[in-house]
Structures are given as C-alpha cells and as structure tokens.
Amino acid sequence: MVLCFCGNMASVRTSWTNKNPGRHFWGCPIEGSKCRFIGWYDGPMCERSKAIIPGLLRTINKLKAQTTRLKIYLLCSWIFFVFVLVYK
C-alpha cells in the first residue's frame, strides 16, 4: 500500500509523455490535486521503446481519425441512398 503526500492511497497510472511513454507510476488519486506525489511503479524503459512508442501512438491516433471520417462518409452515403429510394 502506497500513500501519497495528502494521505490517500495512491493509484497506479500510465505516463504518456515522450520522455516516459507507457511507464507506470504511483500518483495521487484525486484529479487536479496539488499533492504532486509521483513514485515510479516500474523500471525505466530502454531507449528503443522511448523511440518507438510515441510513433505508434501517433499512428493509432491517425487511424482513429480516419475511422471516424470513414464512418461519417458511410452514414452520408446511406442517407443519400435512402433519399434516392424514397424520392425516386
């Protein structure tokens, strides 16, 4: 059991910064708290991981944006299709 500076039980979180991508740490469970408690849960990552993970995250975000755009196009095409069938 790990306690933060304000006396609450710390929770495990994941860092997504470029310096420590995917690294787990203990942090204050209260969002926006001024506690600023941080304790690393796992060891430091190798340099290769630090180089690869941010690129993978960017790729995932691009694919999510592309998927959303394709869903919108599909919905519009179905609306157009129904419109053409109804007013034929």
C-alpha atoms as a PDB file:
ATOM      1  CA  MET A   1       0.000   0.000   0.000  1.00  0.00           C
ATOM      2  CA  VAL A   2       1.431   3.344  -1.082  1.00  0.00           C
ATOM      3  CA  LEU A   3       0.168   6.610   0.385  1.00  0.00           C
ATOM      4  CA  CYS A   4       0.519   9.946  -1.374  1.00  0.00           C
ATOM      5  CA  PHE A   5       1.500  13.174   0.375  1.00  0.00           C
ATOM      6  CA  CYS A   6      -2.125  14.007   1.232  1.00  0.00           C
ATOM      7  CA  GLY A   7      -2.658  10.634   2.952  1.00  0.00           C
ATOM      8  CA  ASN A   8      -4.794   8.940   0.296  1.00  0.00           C
ATOM      9  CA  MET A   9      -3.972   5.550  -1.154  1.00  0.00           C
ATOM     10  CA  ALA A  10      -2.016   6.237  -4.363  1.00  0.00           C
ATOM     11  CA  SER A  11      -3.247   4.753  -7.629  1.00  0.00           C
ATOM     12  CA  VAL A  12      -1.217   3.317 -10.492  1.00  0.00           C
ATOM     13  CA  ARG A  13      -1.306   5.473 -13.615  1.00  0.00           C
ATOM     14  CA  THR A  14       0.376   5.401 -17.000  1.00  0.00           C
ATOM     15  CA  SER A  15       2.612   8.152 -18.328  1.00  0.00           C
ATOM     16  CA  TRP A  16       2.180   9.077 -21.995  1.00  0.00           C
ATOM     17  CA  THR A  17       4.859  11.757 -22.173  1.00  0.00           C
ATOM     18  CA  ASN A  18       7.577  11.464 -24.826  1.00  0.00           C
ATOM     19  CA  LYS A  19      10.183  11.033 -22.097  1.00  0.00           C
ATOM     20  CA  ASN A  20       8.377   8.149 -20.313  1.00  0.00           C
ATOM     21  CA  PRO A  21       5.814   6.655 -22.723  1.00  0.00           C
ATOM     22  CA  GLY A  22       3.842   3.751 -21.298  1.00  0.00           C
ATOM     23  CA  ARG A  23       5.653   3.826 -17.978  1.00  0.00           C
ATOM     24  CA  HIS A  24       3.586   3.126 -14.855  1.00  0.00           C
ATOM     25  CA  PHE A  25       3.779   5.271 -11.746  1.00  0.00           C
ATOM     26  CA  TRP A  26       2.060   5.814  -8.411  1.00  0.00           C
ATOM     27  CA  GLY A  27       0.119   9.087  -8.247  1.00  0.00           C
ATOM     28  CA  CYS A  28      -2.418  10.900  -6.104  1.00  0.00           C
ATOM     29  CA  PRO A  29      -5.906   9.511  -6.830  1.00  0.00           C
ATOM     30  CA  ILE A  30      -7.517  12.955  -6.673  1.00  0.00           C
ATOM     31  CA  GLU A  31      -7.647  14.630 -10.096  1.00  0.00           C
ATOM     32  CA  GLY A  32      -6.322  18.194 -10.044  1.00  0.00           C
ATOM     33  CA  SER A  33      -4.826  17.761  -6.581  1.00  0.00           C
ATOM     34  CA  LYS A  34      -1.874  19.908  -5.542  1.00  0.00           C
ATOM     35  CA  CYS A  35      -0.311  16.823  -3.927  1.00  0.00           C
ATOM     36  CA  ARG A  36       2.153  16.152  -6.792  1.00  0.00           C
ATOM     37  CA  PHE A  37       3.131  12.722  -5.421  1.00  0.00           C
ATOM     38  CA  ILE A  38       4.857  10.536  -8.021  1.00  0.00           C
ATOM     39  CA  GLY A  39       6.642   7.255  -7.431  1.00  0.00           C
ATOM     40  CA  TRP A  40       7.705   5.015 -10.296  1.00  0.00           C
ATOM     41  CA  TYR A  41       5.965   1.633 -10.297  1.00  0.00           C
ATOM     42  CA  ASP A  42       8.235   0.023 -12.877  1.00  0.00           C
ATOM     43  CA  GLY A  43      11.808   0.469 -14.020  1.00  0.00           C
ATOM     44  CA  PRO A  44      12.984   2.868 -16.700  1.00  0.00           C
ATOM     45  CA  MET A  45      12.292   1.998 -20.324  1.00  0.00           C
ATOM     46  CA  CYS A  46      15.002   1.270 -22.859  1.00  0.00           C
ATOM     47  CA  GLU A  47      15.860   3.909 -25.459  1.00  0.00           C
ATOM     48  CA  ARG A  48      14.351   1.819 -28.255  1.00  0.00           C
ATOM     49  CA  SER A  49      10.956   1.795 -26.515  1.00  0.00           C
ATOM     50  CA  LYS A  50      11.133   5.552 -25.973  1.00  0.00           C
ATOM     51  CA  ALA A  51      11.712   5.983 -29.702  1.00  0.00           C
ATOM     52  CA  ILE A  52       9.046   3.547 -30.921  1.00  0.00           C
ATOM     53  CA  ILE A  53       6.048   4.115 -28.613  1.00  0.00           C
ATOM     54  CA  PRO A  54       5.361   7.799 -29.478  1.00  0.00           C
ATOM     55  CA  GLY A  55       5.320   6.898 -33.188  1.00  0.00           C
ATOM     56  CA  LEU A  56       2.899   4.047 -32.537  1.00  0.00           C
ATOM     57  CA  LEU A  57       0.636   6.370 -30.554  1.00  0.00           C
ATOM     58  CA  ARG A  58       0.628   8.890 -33.410  1.00  0.00           C
ATOM     59  CA  THR A  59      -0.275   6.106 -35.851  1.00  0.00           C
ATOM     60  CA  ILE A  60      -3.133   4.935 -33.624  1.00  0.00           C
ATOM     61  CA  ASN A  61      -4.498   8.487 -33.366  1.00  0.00           C
ATOM     62  CA  LYS A  62      -4.334   8.921 -37.170  1.00  0.00           C
ATOM     63  CA  LEU A  63      -6.171   5.631 -37.689  1.00  0.00           C
ATOM     64  CA  LYS A  64      -8.866   6.619 -35.194  1.00  0.00           C
ATOM     65  CA  ALA A  65      -9.378   9.922 -37.016  1.00  0.00           C
ATOM     66  CA  GLN A  66      -9.520   8.123 -40.364  1.00  0.00           C
ATOM     67  CA  THR A  67     -12.037   5.597 -38.995  1.00  0.00           C
ATOM     68  CA  THR A  68     -14.257   8.402 -37.727  1.00  0.00           C
ATOM     69  CA  ARG A  69     -14.102  10.127 -41.111  1.00  0.00           C
ATOM     70  CA  LEU A  70     -14.994   6.877 -42.910  1.00  0.00           C
ATOM     71  CA  LYS A  71     -17.953   6.311 -40.586  1.00  0.00           C
ATOM     72  CA  ILE A  72     -19.244   9.787 -41.434  1.00  0.00           C
ATOM     73  CA  TYR A  73     -18.866   9.101 -45.182  1.00  0.00           C
ATOM     74  CA  LEU A  74     -20.692   5.793 -44.790  1.00  0.00           C
ATOM     75  CA  LEU A  75     -23.539   7.426 -42.892  1.00  0.00           C
ATOM     76  CA  CYS A  76     -23.849  10.171 -45.522  1.00  0.00           C
ATOM     77  CA  SER A  77     -23.880   7.609 -48.319  1.00  0.00           C
ATOM     78  CA  TRP A  78     -26.695   5.671 -46.599  1.00  0.00           C
ATOM     79  CA  ILE A  79     -28.695   8.850 -46.100  1.00  0.00           C
ATOM     80  CA  PHE A  80     -28.229   9.697 -49.785  1.00  0.00           C
ATOM     81  CA  PHE A  81     -29.187   6.123 -50.766  1.00  0.00           C
ATOM     82  CA  VAL A  82     -32.404   6.270 -48.715  1.00  0.00           C
ATOM     83  CA  PHE A  83     -33.182   9.716 -50.099  1.00  0.00           C
ATOM     84  CA  VAL A  84     -32.821   8.439 -53.675  1.00  0.00           C
ATOM     85  CA  LEU A  85     -35.050   5.408 -52.949  1.00  0.00           C
ATOM     86  CA  VAL A  86     -37.779   7.484 -51.295  1.00  0.00           C
ATOM     87  CA  TYR A  87     -37.898  10.264 -53.923  1.00  0.00           C
ATOM     88  CA  LYS A  88     -37.408   8.058 -56.978  1.00  0.00           C
END
